[in-house]
Amino acid sequence: RSKLLMIGDSITDCGRQRPGGEGAFE
């Protein structure tokens, strides 16, 4: 039940959702 936040540049980004960056699918 912990929360892992991963931050960085485009190698981390990779088209993630804006603004949240979490959830299902892409």
PDB file of all heavy atoms in Angstrom:
ATOM      1  N   ARG A   1       0.812  -1.218   0.000  1.00  0.00           N
ATOM      2  CA  ARG A   1       0.000   0.000   0.000  1.00  0.00           C
ATOM      3  C   ARG A   1       0.846   1.268   0.000  1.00  0.00           C
ATOM      4  O   ARG A   1       0.395   2.325   0.461  1.00  0.00           O
ATOM      5  CB  ARG A   1      -0.955   0.026   1.198  1.00  0.00           C
ATOM      6  CG  ARG A   1      -1.820  -1.221   1.314  1.00  0.00           C
ATOM      7  CD  ARG A   1      -2.703  -1.415   0.101  1.00  0.00           C
ATOM      8  NE  ARG A   1      -3.292  -2.761   0.068  1.00  0.00           N
ATOM      9  CZ  ARG A   1      -3.972  -3.250  -0.944  1.00  0.00           C
ATOM     10  NH1 ARG A   1      -4.134  -2.527  -2.047  1.00  0.00           N
ATOM     11  NH2 ARG A   1      -4.472  -4.465  -0.905  1.00  0.00           N
ATOM     12  N   SER A   2       2.057   1.180  -0.520  1.00  0.00           N
ATOM     13  CA  SER A   2       2.925   2.353  -0.579  1.00  0.00           C
ATOM     14  C   SER A   2       2.855   3.008  -1.953  1.00  0.00           C
ATOM     15  O   SER A   2       2.324   2.441  -2.916  1.00  0.00           O
ATOM     16  CB  SER A   2       4.368   1.966  -0.250  1.00  0.00           C
ATOM     17  OG  SER A   2       4.862   1.000  -1.160  1.00  0.00           O
ATOM     18  N   LYS A   3       3.396   4.205  -2.034  1.00  0.00           N
ATOM     19  CA  LYS A   3       3.367   5.007  -3.267  1.00  0.00           C
ATOM     20  C   LYS A   3       4.788   5.239  -3.750  1.00  0.00           C
ATOM     21  O   LYS A   3       5.624   5.792  -3.036  1.00  0.00           O
ATOM     22  CB  LYS A   3       2.669   6.342  -2.995  1.00  0.00           C
ATOM     23  CG  LYS A   3       2.515   7.259  -4.200  1.00  0.00           C
ATOM     24  CD  LYS A   3       1.732   8.500  -3.792  1.00  0.00           C
ATOM     25  CE  LYS A   3       1.477   9.447  -4.952  1.00  0.00           C
ATOM     26  NZ  LYS A   3       0.693  10.647  -4.526  1.00  0.00           N
ATOM     27  N   LEU A   4       5.046   4.830  -4.984  1.00  0.00           N
ATOM     28  CA  LEU A   4       6.348   5.002  -5.631  1.00  0.00           C
ATOM     29  C   LEU A   4       6.220   6.063  -6.705  1.00  0.00           C
ATOM     30  O   LEU A   4       5.456   5.896  -7.659  1.00  0.00           O
ATOM     31  CB  LEU A   4       6.812   3.682  -6.250  1.00  0.00           C
ATOM     32  CG  LEU A   4       7.986   3.739  -7.231  1.00  0.00           C
ATOM     33  CD1 LEU A   4       9.260   4.216  -6.544  1.00  0.00           C
ATOM     34  CD2 LEU A   4       8.197   2.378  -7.891  1.00  0.00           C
ATOM     35  N   LEU A   5       6.956   7.147  -6.570  1.00  0.00           N
ATOM     36  CA  LEU A   5       6.950   8.217  -7.563  1.00  0.00           C
ATOM     37  C   LEU A   5       8.274   8.191  -8.313  1.00  0.00           C
ATOM     38  O   LEU A   5       9.341   8.227  -7.693  1.00  0.00           O
ATOM     39  CB  LEU A   5       6.725   9.566  -6.885  1.00  0.00           C
ATOM     40  CG  LEU A   5       6.520  10.763  -7.818  1.00  0.00           C
ATOM     41  CD1 LEU A   5       5.568  11.783  -7.174  1.00  0.00           C
ATOM     42  CD2 LEU A   5       7.837  11.453  -8.187  1.00  0.00           C
ATOM     43  N   MET A   6       8.188   8.136  -9.641  1.00  0.00           N
ATOM     44  CA  MET A   6       9.380   8.059 -10.480  1.00  0.00           C
ATOM     45  C   MET A   6       9.443   9.321 -11.340  1.00  0.00           C
ATOM     46  O   MET A   6       8.508   9.627 -12.089  1.00  0.00           O
ATOM     47  CB  MET A   6       9.332   6.787 -11.344  1.00  0.00           C
ATOM     48  CG  MET A   6       9.020   5.535 -10.526  1.00  0.00           C
ATOM     49  SD  MET A   6       9.130   3.962 -11.414  1.00  0.00           S
ATOM     50  CE  MET A   6      10.893   3.614 -11.225  1.00  0.00           C
ATOM     51  N   ILE A   7      10.542  10.061 -11.211  1.00  0.00           N
ATOM     52  CA  ILE A   7      10.664  11.352 -11.884  1.00  0.00           C
ATOM     53  C   ILE A   7      11.934  11.381 -12.725  1.00  0.00           C
ATOM     54  O   ILE A   7      12.921  10.718 -12.414  1.00  0.00           O
ATOM     55  CB  ILE A   7      10.638  12.498 -10.855  1.00  0.00           C
ATOM     56  CG1 ILE A   7      10.474  13.858 -11.550  1.00  0.00           C
ATOM     57  CG2 ILE A   7      11.856  12.468  -9.940  1.00  0.00           C
ATOM     58  CD1 ILE A   7      10.145  14.993 -10.599  1.00  0.00           C
ATOM     59  N   GLY A   8      11.894  12.168 -13.803  1.00  0.00           N
ATOM     60  CA  GLY A   8      13.057  12.275 -14.666  1.00  0.00           C
ATOM     61  C   GLY A   8      12.742  13.025 -15.941  1.00  0.00           C
ATOM     62  O   GLY A   8      11.854  13.892 -15.974  1.00  0.00           O
ATOM     63  N   ASP A   9      13.454  12.670 -17.007  1.00  0.00           N
ATOM     64  CA  ASP A   9      13.315  13.338 -18.293  1.00  0.00           C
ATOM     65  C   ASP A   9      12.503  12.473 -19.256  1.00  0.00           C
ATOM     66  O   ASP A   9      11.631  11.719 -18.838  1.00  0.00           O
ATOM     67  CB  ASP A   9      14.699  13.687 -18.850  1.00  0.00           C
ATOM     68  CG  ASP A   9      15.656  12.493 -18.832  1.00  0.00           C
ATOM     69  OD1 ASP A   9      15.210  11.365 -19.108  1.00  0.00           O
ATOM     70  OD2 ASP A   9      16.860  12.686 -18.552  1.00  0.00           O
ATOM     71  N   SER A  10      12.794  12.554 -20.560  1.00  0.00           N
ATOM     72  CA  SER A  10      12.001  11.831 -21.558  1.00  0.00           C
ATOM     73  C   SER A  10      12.089  10.319 -21.408  1.00  0.00           C
ATOM     74  O   SER A  10      11.153   9.591 -21.779  1.00  0.00           O
ATOM     75  CB  SER A  10      12.444  12.224 -22.972  1.00  0.00           C
ATOM     76  OG  SER A  10      13.822  11.949 -23.168  1.00  0.00           O
ATOM     77  N   ILE A  11      13.195   9.824 -20.883  1.00  0.00           N
ATOM     78  CA  ILE A  11      13.349   8.381 -20.718  1.00  0.00           C
ATOM     79  C   ILE A  11      12.355   7.871 -19.673  1.00  0.00           C
ATOM     80  O   ILE A  11      11.865   6.741 -19.755  1.00  0.00           O
ATOM     81  CB  ILE A  11      14.800   8.031 -20.332  1.00  0.00           C
ATOM     82  CG1 ILE A  11      15.753   8.510 -21.434  1.00  0.00           C
ATOM     83  CG2 ILE A  11      14.967   6.527 -20.111  1.00  0.00           C
ATOM     84  CD1 ILE A  11      17.207   8.536 -21.023  1.00  0.00           C
ATOM     85  N   THR A  12      12.041   8.719 -18.713  1.00  0.00           N
ATOM     86  CA  THR A  12      11.007   8.403 -17.731  1.00  0.00           C
ATOM     87  C   THR A  12       9.620   8.730 -18.284  1.00  0.00           C
ATOM     88  O   THR A  12       8.682   7.940 -18.132  1.00  0.00           O
ATOM     89  CB  THR A  12      11.254   9.189 -16.432  1.00  0.00           C
ATOM     90  OG1 THR A  12      12.544   8.853 -15.921  1.00  0.00           O
ATOM     91  CG2 THR A  12      10.196   8.876 -15.386  1.00  0.00           C
ATOM     92  N   ASP A  13       9.485   9.854 -18.905  1.00  0.00           N
ATOM     93  CA  ASP A  13       8.210  10.347 -19.437  1.00  0.00           C
ATOM     94  C   ASP A  13       7.530   9.338 -20.360  1.00  0.00           C
ATOM     95  O   ASP A  13       6.461   8.795 -20.055  1.00  0.00           O
ATOM     96  CB  ASP A  13       8.477  11.663 -20.176  1.00  0.00           C
ATOM     97  CG  ASP A  13       7.220  12.345 -20.708  1.00  0.00           C
ATOM     98  OD1 ASP A  13       6.183  11.690 -20.878  1.00  0.00           O
ATOM     99  OD2 ASP A  13       7.286  13.556 -20.974  1.00  0.00           O
ATOM    100  N   CYS A  14       8.121   9.109 -21.502  1.00  0.00           N
ATOM    101  CA  CYS A  14       7.634   8.121 -22.476  1.00  0.00           C
ATOM    102  C   CYS A  14       6.140   8.234 -22.765  1.00  0.00           C
ATOM    103  O   CYS A  14       5.419   7.232 -22.830  1.00  0.00           O
ATOM    104  CB  CYS A  14       7.973   6.703 -22.004  1.00  0.00           C
ATOM    105  SG  CYS A  14       9.659   6.244 -22.344  1.00  0.00           S
ATOM    106  N   GLY A  15       5.656   9.461 -22.929  1.00  0.00           N
ATOM    107  CA  GLY A  15       4.262   9.666 -23.310  1.00  0.00           C
ATOM    108  C   GLY A  15       3.272   9.450 -22.186  1.00  0.00           C
ATOM    109  O   GLY A  15       2.099   9.152 -22.446  1.00  0.00           O
ATOM    110  N   ARG A  16       3.687   9.652 -20.949  1.00  0.00           N
ATOM    111  CA  ARG A  16       2.789   9.410 -19.813  1.00  0.00           C
ATOM    112  C   ARG A  16       1.648  10.431 -19.810  1.00  0.00           C
ATOM    113  O   ARG A  16       1.705  11.487 -20.419  1.00  0.00           O
ATOM    114  CB  ARG A  16       3.570   9.440 -18.507  1.00  0.00           C
ATOM    115  CG  ARG A  16       4.340  10.731 -18.219  1.00  0.00           C
ATOM    116  CD  ARG A  16       3.582  11.675 -17.322  1.00  0.00           C
ATOM    117  NE  ARG A  16       4.403  12.804 -16.907  1.00  0.00           N
ATOM    118  CZ  ARG A  16       3.931  13.814 -16.189  1.00  0.00           C
ATOM    119  NH1 ARG A  16       2.661  13.851 -15.830  1.00  0.00           N
ATOM    120  NH2 ARG A  16       4.722  14.818 -15.850  1.00  0.00           N
ATOM    121  N   GLN A  17       0.617  10.106 -19.071  1.00  0.00           N
ATOM    122  CA  GLN A  17      -0.568  10.947 -18.959  1.00  0.00           C
ATOM    123  C   GLN A  17      -0.234  12.278 -18.307  1.00  0.00           C
ATOM    124  O   GLN A  17       0.574  12.356 -17.394  1.00  0.00           O
ATOM    125  CB  GLN A  17      -1.621  10.212 -18.128  1.00  0.00           C
ATOM    126  CG  GLN A  17      -2.927  10.953 -17.914  1.00  0.00           C
ATOM    127  CD  GLN A  17      -3.749  10.294 -16.830  1.00  0.00           C
ATOM    128  OE1 GLN A  17      -3.377  10.311 -15.655  1.00  0.00           O
ATOM    129  NE2 GLN A  17      -4.851   9.668 -17.207  1.00  0.00           N
ATOM    130  N   ARG A  18      -0.873  13.341 -18.804  1.00  0.00           N
ATOM    131  CA  ARG A  18      -0.755  14.651 -18.176  1.00  0.00           C
ATOM    132  C   ARG A  18      -2.104  15.017 -17.560  1.00  0.00           C
ATOM    133  O   ARG A  18      -3.138  14.736 -18.142  1.00  0.00           O
ATOM    134  CB  ARG A  18      -0.376  15.728 -19.223  1.00  0.00           C
ATOM    135  CG  ARG A  18       0.977  15.527 -19.871  1.00  0.00           C
ATOM    136  CD  ARG A  18       2.109  15.791 -18.882  1.00  0.00           C
ATOM    137  NE  ARG A  18       3.372  15.988 -19.538  1.00  0.00           N
ATOM    138  CZ  ARG A  18       4.186  15.024 -19.964  1.00  0.00           C
ATOM    139  NH1 ARG A  18       3.841  13.764 -19.787  1.00  0.00           N
ATOM    140  NH2 ARG A  18       5.322  15.308 -20.545  1.00  0.00           N
ATOM    141  N   PRO A  19      -2.140  15.676 -16.402  1.00  0.00           N
ATOM    142  CA  PRO A  19      -0.989  16.037 -15.587  1.00  0.00           C
ATOM    143  C   PRO A  19      -0.618  14.967 -14.563  1.00  0.00           C
ATOM    144  O   PRO A  19       0.459  15.022 -13.970  1.00  0.00           O
ATOM    145  CB  PRO A  19      -1.466  17.306 -14.871  1.00  0.00           C
ATOM    146  CG  PRO A  19      -2.927  17.068 -14.662  1.00  0.00           C
ATOM    147  CD  PRO A  19      -3.384  16.296 -15.887  1.00  0.00           C
ATOM    148  N   GLY A  20      -1.514  14.007 -14.335  1.00  0.00           N
ATOM    149  CA  GLY A  20      -1.350  13.097 -13.213  1.00  0.00           C
ATOM    150  C   GLY A  20      -0.212  12.111 -13.315  1.00  0.00           C
ATOM    151  O   GLY A  20       0.564  11.927 -12.390  1.00  0.00           O
ATOM    152  N   GLY A  21      -0.120  11.416 -14.441  1.00  0.00           N
ATOM    153  CA  GLY A  21       0.933  10.427 -14.611  1.00  0.00           C
ATOM    154  C   GLY A  21       0.683   9.130 -13.879  1.00  0.00           C
ATOM    155  O   GLY A  21       1.628   8.438 -13.499  1.00  0.00           O
ATOM    156  N   GLU A  22      -0.587   8.773 -13.700  1.00  0.00           N
ATOM    157  CA  GLU A  22      -0.881   7.470 -13.118  1.00  0.00           C
ATOM    158  C   GLU A  22      -2.283   7.041 -13.538  1.00  0.00           C
ATOM    159  O   GLU A  22      -3.107   7.848 -13.943  1.00  0.00           O
ATOM    160  CB  GLU A  22      -0.789   7.497 -11.597  1.00  0.00           C
ATOM    161  CG  GLU A  22      -1.807   8.370 -10.904  1.00  0.00           C
ATOM    162  CD  GLU A  22      -1.763   8.227  -9.395  1.00  0.00           C
ATOM    163  OE1 GLU A  22      -1.621   7.089  -8.910  1.00  0.00           O
ATOM    164  OE2 GLU A  22      -1.862   9.255  -8.706  1.00  0.00           O
ATOM    165  N   GLY A  23      -2.505   5.734 -13.450  1.00  0.00           N
ATOM    166  CA  GLY A  23      -3.793   5.185 -13.819  1.00  0.00           C
ATOM    167  C   GLY A  23      -3.628   3.989 -14.737  1.00  0.00           C
ATOM    168  O   GLY A  23      -2.555   3.426 -14.867  1.00  0.00           O
ATOM    169  N   ALA A  24      -4.724   3.613 -15.388  1.00  0.00           N
ATOM    170  CA  ALA A  24      -4.737   2.415 -16.216  1.00  0.00           C
ATOM    171  C   ALA A  24      -4.259   2.698 -17.638  1.00  0.00           C
ATOM    172  O   ALA A  24      -4.129   3.839 -18.060  1.00  0.00           O
ATOM    173  CB  ALA A  24      -6.149   1.835 -16.258  1.00  0.00           C
ATOM    174  N   PHE A  25      -3.983   1.613 -18.342  1.00  0.00           N
ATOM    175  CA  PHE A  25      -3.614   1.639 -19.763  1.00  0.00           C
ATOM    176  C   PHE A  25      -2.362   2.471 -19.993  1.00  0.00           C
ATOM    177  O   PHE A  25      -1.338   2.187 -19.425  1.00  0.00           O
ATOM    178  CB  PHE A  25      -4.819   2.075 -20.603  1.00  0.00           C
ATOM    179  CG  PHE A  25      -6.036   1.213 -20.369  1.00  0.00           C
ATOM    180  CD1 PHE A  25      -7.091   1.664 -19.596  1.00  0.00           C
ATOM    181  CD2 PHE A  25      -6.085  -0.086 -20.862  1.00  0.00           C
ATOM    182  CE1 PHE A  25      -8.189   0.856 -19.345  1.00  0.00           C
ATOM    183  CE2 PHE A  25      -7.173  -0.902 -20.616  1.00  0.00           C
ATOM    184  CZ  PHE A  25      -8.230  -0.433 -19.857  1.00  0.00           C
ATOM    185  N   GLU A  26      -2.403   3.549 -20.803  1.00  0.00           N
ATOM    186  CA  GLU A  26      -1.180   4.265 -21.162  1.00  0.00           C
ATOM    187  C   GLU A  26      -0.808   5.373 -20.186  1.00  0.00           C
ATOM    188  O   GLU A  26       0.085   6.170 -20.462  1.00  0.00           O
ATOM    189  CB  GLU A  26      -1.310   4.861 -22.564  1.00  0.00           C
ATOM    190  CG  GLU A  26      -1.414   3.844 -23.683  1.00  0.00           C
ATOM    191  CD  GLU A  26      -2.827   3.285 -23.843  1.00  0.00           C
ATOM    192  OE1 GLU A  26      -3.792   3.968 -23.429  1.00  0.00           O
ATOM    193  OE2 GLU A  26      -2.951   2.160 -24.347  1.00  0.00           O
TER     194      GLU A  26
END
